[in-house]
N, C-alpha and C. Protein backbone atom coordinates (compact mmCIF):
# COMPACT_ATOMS: atom_id res chain seq x y z
N UNK A 1 -202.09 11.51 12.13
CA UNK A 1 -201.36 12.67 11.70
C UNK A 1 -202.29 13.88 11.76
N UNK A 2 -201.80 15.00 12.21
CA UNK A 2 -202.64 16.17 12.36
C UNK A 2 -203.17 16.71 11.03
N UNK A 3 -202.35 16.66 9.97
CA UNK A 3 -202.78 17.21 8.68
C UNK A 3 -203.26 16.08 7.79
N UNK A 4 -204.51 15.67 8.00
CA UNK A 4 -205.03 14.54 7.23
C UNK A 4 -206.11 14.98 6.25
N UNK A 5 -205.97 16.16 5.72
CA UNK A 5 -206.96 16.69 4.78
C UNK A 5 -206.94 15.86 3.50
N UNK A 6 -208.10 15.74 2.89
CA UNK A 6 -208.22 15.00 1.64
C UNK A 6 -208.71 15.91 0.53
N UNK A 7 -208.31 17.17 0.60
CA UNK A 7 -208.88 18.20 -0.27
C UNK A 7 -208.77 17.89 -1.76
N UNK A 8 -207.65 17.34 -2.21
CA UNK A 8 -207.51 17.08 -3.65
C UNK A 8 -208.55 16.08 -4.15
N UNK A 9 -208.86 15.09 -3.35
CA UNK A 9 -209.80 14.05 -3.76
C UNK A 9 -211.20 14.28 -3.20
N UNK A 10 -211.36 15.33 -2.41
CA UNK A 10 -212.60 15.54 -1.67
C UNK A 10 -213.84 15.57 -2.56
N UNK A 11 -213.83 16.36 -3.60
CA UNK A 11 -215.04 16.47 -4.43
C UNK A 11 -215.36 15.14 -5.12
N UNK A 12 -214.34 14.43 -5.54
CA UNK A 12 -214.57 13.12 -6.15
C UNK A 12 -215.14 12.13 -5.14
N UNK A 13 -214.60 12.15 -3.93
CA UNK A 13 -215.09 11.25 -2.89
C UNK A 13 -216.55 11.56 -2.55
N UNK A 14 -216.87 12.83 -2.39
CA UNK A 14 -218.24 13.22 -2.05
C UNK A 14 -219.20 12.84 -3.16
N UNK A 15 -218.80 13.07 -4.39
CA UNK A 15 -219.64 12.70 -5.53
C UNK A 15 -219.90 11.20 -5.56
N UNK A 16 -218.86 10.41 -5.35
CA UNK A 16 -219.01 8.96 -5.34
C UNK A 16 -219.90 8.51 -4.19
N UNK A 17 -219.72 9.11 -3.02
CA UNK A 17 -220.54 8.74 -1.87
C UNK A 17 -222.01 9.10 -2.09
N UNK A 18 -222.26 10.22 -2.75
CA UNK A 18 -223.64 10.58 -3.06
C UNK A 18 -224.28 9.53 -3.97
N UNK A 19 -223.51 9.05 -4.95
CA UNK A 19 -224.02 8.01 -5.84
C UNK A 19 -224.29 6.73 -5.07
N UNK A 20 -223.40 6.40 -4.15
CA UNK A 20 -223.57 5.18 -3.34
C UNK A 20 -224.81 5.30 -2.47
N UNK A 21 -225.04 6.48 -1.90
CA UNK A 21 -226.26 6.69 -1.12
C UNK A 21 -227.50 6.39 -1.96
N UNK A 22 -227.48 6.86 -3.19
CA UNK A 22 -228.60 6.58 -4.09
C UNK A 22 -228.74 5.10 -4.37
N UNK A 23 -227.61 4.43 -4.55
CA UNK A 23 -227.66 2.98 -4.78
C UNK A 23 -228.26 2.26 -3.58
N UNK A 24 -227.88 2.66 -2.39
CA UNK A 24 -228.38 2.02 -1.17
C UNK A 24 -229.88 2.25 -1.03
N UNK A 25 -230.32 3.47 -1.30
CA UNK A 25 -231.77 3.75 -1.26
C UNK A 25 -232.50 2.88 -2.27
N UNK A 26 -231.91 2.73 -3.45
CA UNK A 26 -232.51 1.89 -4.48
C UNK A 26 -232.61 0.44 -4.04
N UNK A 27 -231.58 -0.05 -3.37
CA UNK A 27 -231.59 -1.43 -2.86
C UNK A 27 -232.70 -1.59 -1.82
N UNK A 28 -232.79 -0.62 -0.91
CA UNK A 28 -233.85 -0.67 0.10
C UNK A 28 -235.23 -0.71 -0.57
N UNK A 29 -235.41 0.13 -1.57
CA UNK A 29 -236.69 0.16 -2.29
C UNK A 29 -236.97 -1.17 -2.98
N UNK A 30 -235.93 -1.76 -3.55
CA UNK A 30 -236.11 -3.06 -4.21
C UNK A 30 -236.58 -4.11 -3.21
N UNK A 31 -235.99 -4.09 -2.03
CA UNK A 31 -236.38 -5.06 -1.00
C UNK A 31 -237.81 -4.79 -0.54
N UNK A 32 -238.12 -3.50 -0.31
CA UNK A 32 -239.48 -3.14 0.10
C UNK A 32 -240.52 -3.55 -0.95
N UNK A 33 -240.12 -3.48 -2.22
CA UNK A 33 -241.03 -3.82 -3.32
C UNK A 33 -240.98 -5.29 -3.71
N UNK A 34 -240.29 -6.09 -2.89
CA UNK A 34 -240.18 -7.54 -3.14
C UNK A 34 -239.64 -7.87 -4.53
N UNK A 35 -238.60 -7.15 -4.93
CA UNK A 35 -237.98 -7.43 -6.23
C UNK A 35 -237.25 -8.77 -6.17
N UNK A 36 -236.96 -9.31 -7.33
CA UNK A 36 -236.28 -10.59 -7.46
C UNK A 36 -234.92 -10.54 -6.76
N UNK A 37 -234.66 -11.53 -5.92
CA UNK A 37 -233.45 -11.55 -5.09
C UNK A 37 -232.16 -11.39 -5.91
N UNK A 38 -232.09 -12.04 -7.04
CA UNK A 38 -230.88 -11.95 -7.87
C UNK A 38 -230.64 -10.51 -8.31
N UNK A 39 -231.70 -9.81 -8.66
CA UNK A 39 -231.57 -8.41 -9.05
C UNK A 39 -231.06 -7.56 -7.88
N UNK A 40 -231.53 -7.86 -6.68
CA UNK A 40 -231.07 -7.14 -5.49
C UNK A 40 -229.59 -7.44 -5.25
N UNK A 41 -229.20 -8.71 -5.35
CA UNK A 41 -227.79 -9.07 -5.17
C UNK A 41 -226.89 -8.34 -6.15
N UNK A 42 -227.34 -8.21 -7.38
CA UNK A 42 -226.55 -7.50 -8.39
C UNK A 42 -226.34 -6.05 -7.99
N UNK A 43 -227.38 -5.42 -7.47
CA UNK A 43 -227.26 -4.03 -7.02
C UNK A 43 -226.39 -3.90 -5.78
N UNK A 44 -226.47 -4.88 -4.88
CA UNK A 44 -225.60 -4.88 -3.69
C UNK A 44 -224.14 -4.99 -4.13
N UNK A 45 -223.87 -5.87 -5.09
CA UNK A 45 -222.51 -6.03 -5.59
C UNK A 45 -221.99 -4.74 -6.22
N UNK A 46 -222.86 -4.04 -6.94
CA UNK A 46 -222.46 -2.77 -7.56
C UNK A 46 -222.15 -1.72 -6.49
N UNK A 47 -222.97 -1.65 -5.45
CA UNK A 47 -222.73 -0.69 -4.36
C UNK A 47 -221.45 -1.03 -3.62
N UNK A 48 -221.22 -2.31 -3.40
CA UNK A 48 -220.00 -2.76 -2.72
C UNK A 48 -218.77 -2.39 -3.54
N UNK A 49 -218.84 -2.58 -4.84
CA UNK A 49 -217.74 -2.22 -5.72
C UNK A 49 -217.49 -0.71 -5.69
N UNK A 50 -218.55 0.06 -5.70
CA UNK A 50 -218.42 1.52 -5.64
C UNK A 50 -217.78 1.96 -4.32
N UNK A 51 -218.15 1.31 -3.23
CA UNK A 51 -217.56 1.64 -1.93
C UNK A 51 -216.07 1.25 -1.90
N UNK A 52 -215.73 0.15 -2.53
CA UNK A 52 -214.32 -0.24 -2.64
C UNK A 52 -213.53 0.80 -3.42
N UNK A 53 -214.14 1.38 -4.45
CA UNK A 53 -213.48 2.44 -5.22
C UNK A 53 -213.23 3.67 -4.36
N UNK A 54 -214.19 4.00 -3.51
CA UNK A 54 -214.01 5.13 -2.59
C UNK A 54 -212.84 4.84 -1.65
N UNK A 55 -212.80 3.64 -1.12
CA UNK A 55 -211.71 3.25 -0.22
C UNK A 55 -210.36 3.36 -0.91
N UNK A 56 -210.28 2.90 -2.15
CA UNK A 56 -209.02 2.95 -2.89
C UNK A 56 -208.59 4.39 -3.13
N UNK A 57 -209.52 5.24 -3.50
CA UNK A 57 -209.20 6.65 -3.73
C UNK A 57 -208.76 7.33 -2.44
N UNK A 58 -209.43 7.02 -1.35
CA UNK A 58 -209.06 7.59 -0.06
C UNK A 58 -207.67 7.13 0.36
N UNK A 59 -207.38 5.84 0.17
CA UNK A 59 -206.06 5.31 0.53
C UNK A 59 -204.98 5.94 -0.33
N UNK A 60 -205.24 6.08 -1.62
CA UNK A 60 -204.27 6.71 -2.52
C UNK A 60 -203.97 8.14 -2.08
N UNK A 61 -205.02 8.88 -1.78
CA UNK A 61 -204.86 10.26 -1.34
C UNK A 61 -204.07 10.32 -0.04
N UNK A 62 -204.38 9.43 0.88
CA UNK A 62 -203.69 9.40 2.17
C UNK A 62 -202.20 9.11 1.99
N UNK A 63 -201.89 8.13 1.15
CA UNK A 63 -200.48 7.77 0.94
C UNK A 63 -199.73 8.90 0.26
N UNK A 64 -200.30 9.46 -0.79
CA UNK A 64 -199.61 10.50 -1.55
C UNK A 64 -199.46 11.79 -0.77
N UNK A 65 -200.37 12.06 0.14
CA UNK A 65 -200.34 13.33 0.86
C UNK A 65 -199.81 13.16 2.28
N UNK A 66 -200.55 12.45 3.10
CA UNK A 66 -200.23 12.37 4.53
C UNK A 66 -199.00 11.51 4.82
N UNK A 67 -198.96 10.33 4.20
CA UNK A 67 -197.82 9.44 4.47
C UNK A 67 -196.54 10.07 3.95
N UNK A 68 -196.58 10.61 2.74
CA UNK A 68 -195.39 11.25 2.18
C UNK A 68 -194.92 12.39 3.07
N UNK A 69 -195.86 13.22 3.52
CA UNK A 69 -195.50 14.35 4.38
C UNK A 69 -194.86 13.88 5.68
N UNK A 70 -195.42 12.83 6.28
CA UNK A 70 -194.88 12.30 7.53
C UNK A 70 -193.48 11.74 7.32
N UNK A 71 -193.28 11.02 6.23
CA UNK A 71 -191.95 10.47 5.94
C UNK A 71 -190.95 11.60 5.73
N UNK A 72 -191.34 12.60 4.95
CA UNK A 72 -190.46 13.74 4.68
C UNK A 72 -190.10 14.50 5.94
N UNK A 73 -190.98 14.48 6.94
CA UNK A 73 -190.70 15.22 8.18
C UNK A 73 -190.10 14.33 9.27
N UNK A 74 -189.69 13.11 8.90
CA UNK A 74 -188.99 12.25 9.85
C UNK A 74 -189.87 11.37 10.71
N UNK A 75 -191.14 11.24 10.36
CA UNK A 75 -192.06 10.41 11.14
C UNK A 75 -192.48 9.16 10.36
N UNK A 76 -191.57 8.68 9.53
CA UNK A 76 -191.88 7.55 8.66
C UNK A 76 -192.30 6.30 9.39
N UNK A 77 -191.57 5.95 10.44
CA UNK A 77 -191.87 4.71 11.18
C UNK A 77 -193.28 4.76 11.77
N UNK A 78 -193.62 5.89 12.37
CA UNK A 78 -194.95 6.04 12.99
C UNK A 78 -196.06 5.94 11.96
N UNK A 79 -195.90 6.64 10.85
CA UNK A 79 -196.97 6.66 9.85
C UNK A 79 -197.09 5.31 9.15
N UNK A 80 -195.98 4.60 8.99
CA UNK A 80 -196.06 3.26 8.40
C UNK A 80 -196.74 2.28 9.34
N UNK A 81 -196.49 2.42 10.64
CA UNK A 81 -197.20 1.59 11.62
C UNK A 81 -198.71 1.87 11.55
N UNK A 82 -199.05 3.15 11.50
CA UNK A 82 -200.46 3.54 11.41
C UNK A 82 -201.10 3.00 10.13
N UNK A 83 -200.40 3.12 9.02
CA UNK A 83 -200.91 2.63 7.74
C UNK A 83 -201.11 1.12 7.77
N UNK A 84 -200.17 0.42 8.39
CA UNK A 84 -200.28 -1.03 8.51
C UNK A 84 -201.53 -1.40 9.30
N UNK A 85 -201.79 -0.72 10.41
CA UNK A 85 -202.97 -1.01 11.22
C UNK A 85 -204.26 -0.72 10.46
N UNK A 86 -204.28 0.38 9.73
CA UNK A 86 -205.46 0.72 8.94
C UNK A 86 -205.73 -0.36 7.90
N UNK A 87 -204.68 -0.81 7.24
CA UNK A 87 -204.86 -1.83 6.20
C UNK A 87 -205.31 -3.16 6.81
N UNK A 88 -204.81 -3.50 7.99
CA UNK A 88 -205.26 -4.72 8.66
C UNK A 88 -206.76 -4.65 8.94
N UNK A 89 -207.22 -3.49 9.42
CA UNK A 89 -208.65 -3.32 9.70
C UNK A 89 -209.47 -3.36 8.42
N UNK A 90 -208.96 -2.75 7.37
CA UNK A 90 -209.70 -2.70 6.11
C UNK A 90 -209.86 -4.09 5.51
N UNK A 91 -208.81 -4.88 5.55
CA UNK A 91 -208.85 -6.21 4.93
C UNK A 91 -209.36 -7.30 5.85
N UNK A 92 -209.78 -6.95 7.04
CA UNK A 92 -210.31 -7.91 8.01
C UNK A 92 -211.63 -8.48 7.56
């Protein structure tokens, strides 16, 4: 869809991604410093969970804004096909 702006959720998404970047740097440092594997796994799980939260927020924003707009303008079938493909890739 041409109008795929995420402006309403943009600042929240960017803030979350900045935190995730910090988590990833921390994980790299833990590995470089030979930290205990279980502690590294715990941090990886936390980063993975944070990334899943970003995905959920992005999907919510897309559905409420882009999908709704496409349905309202008569392009429901196309946007639902697109959404289905995106979800297949995400859950793969």
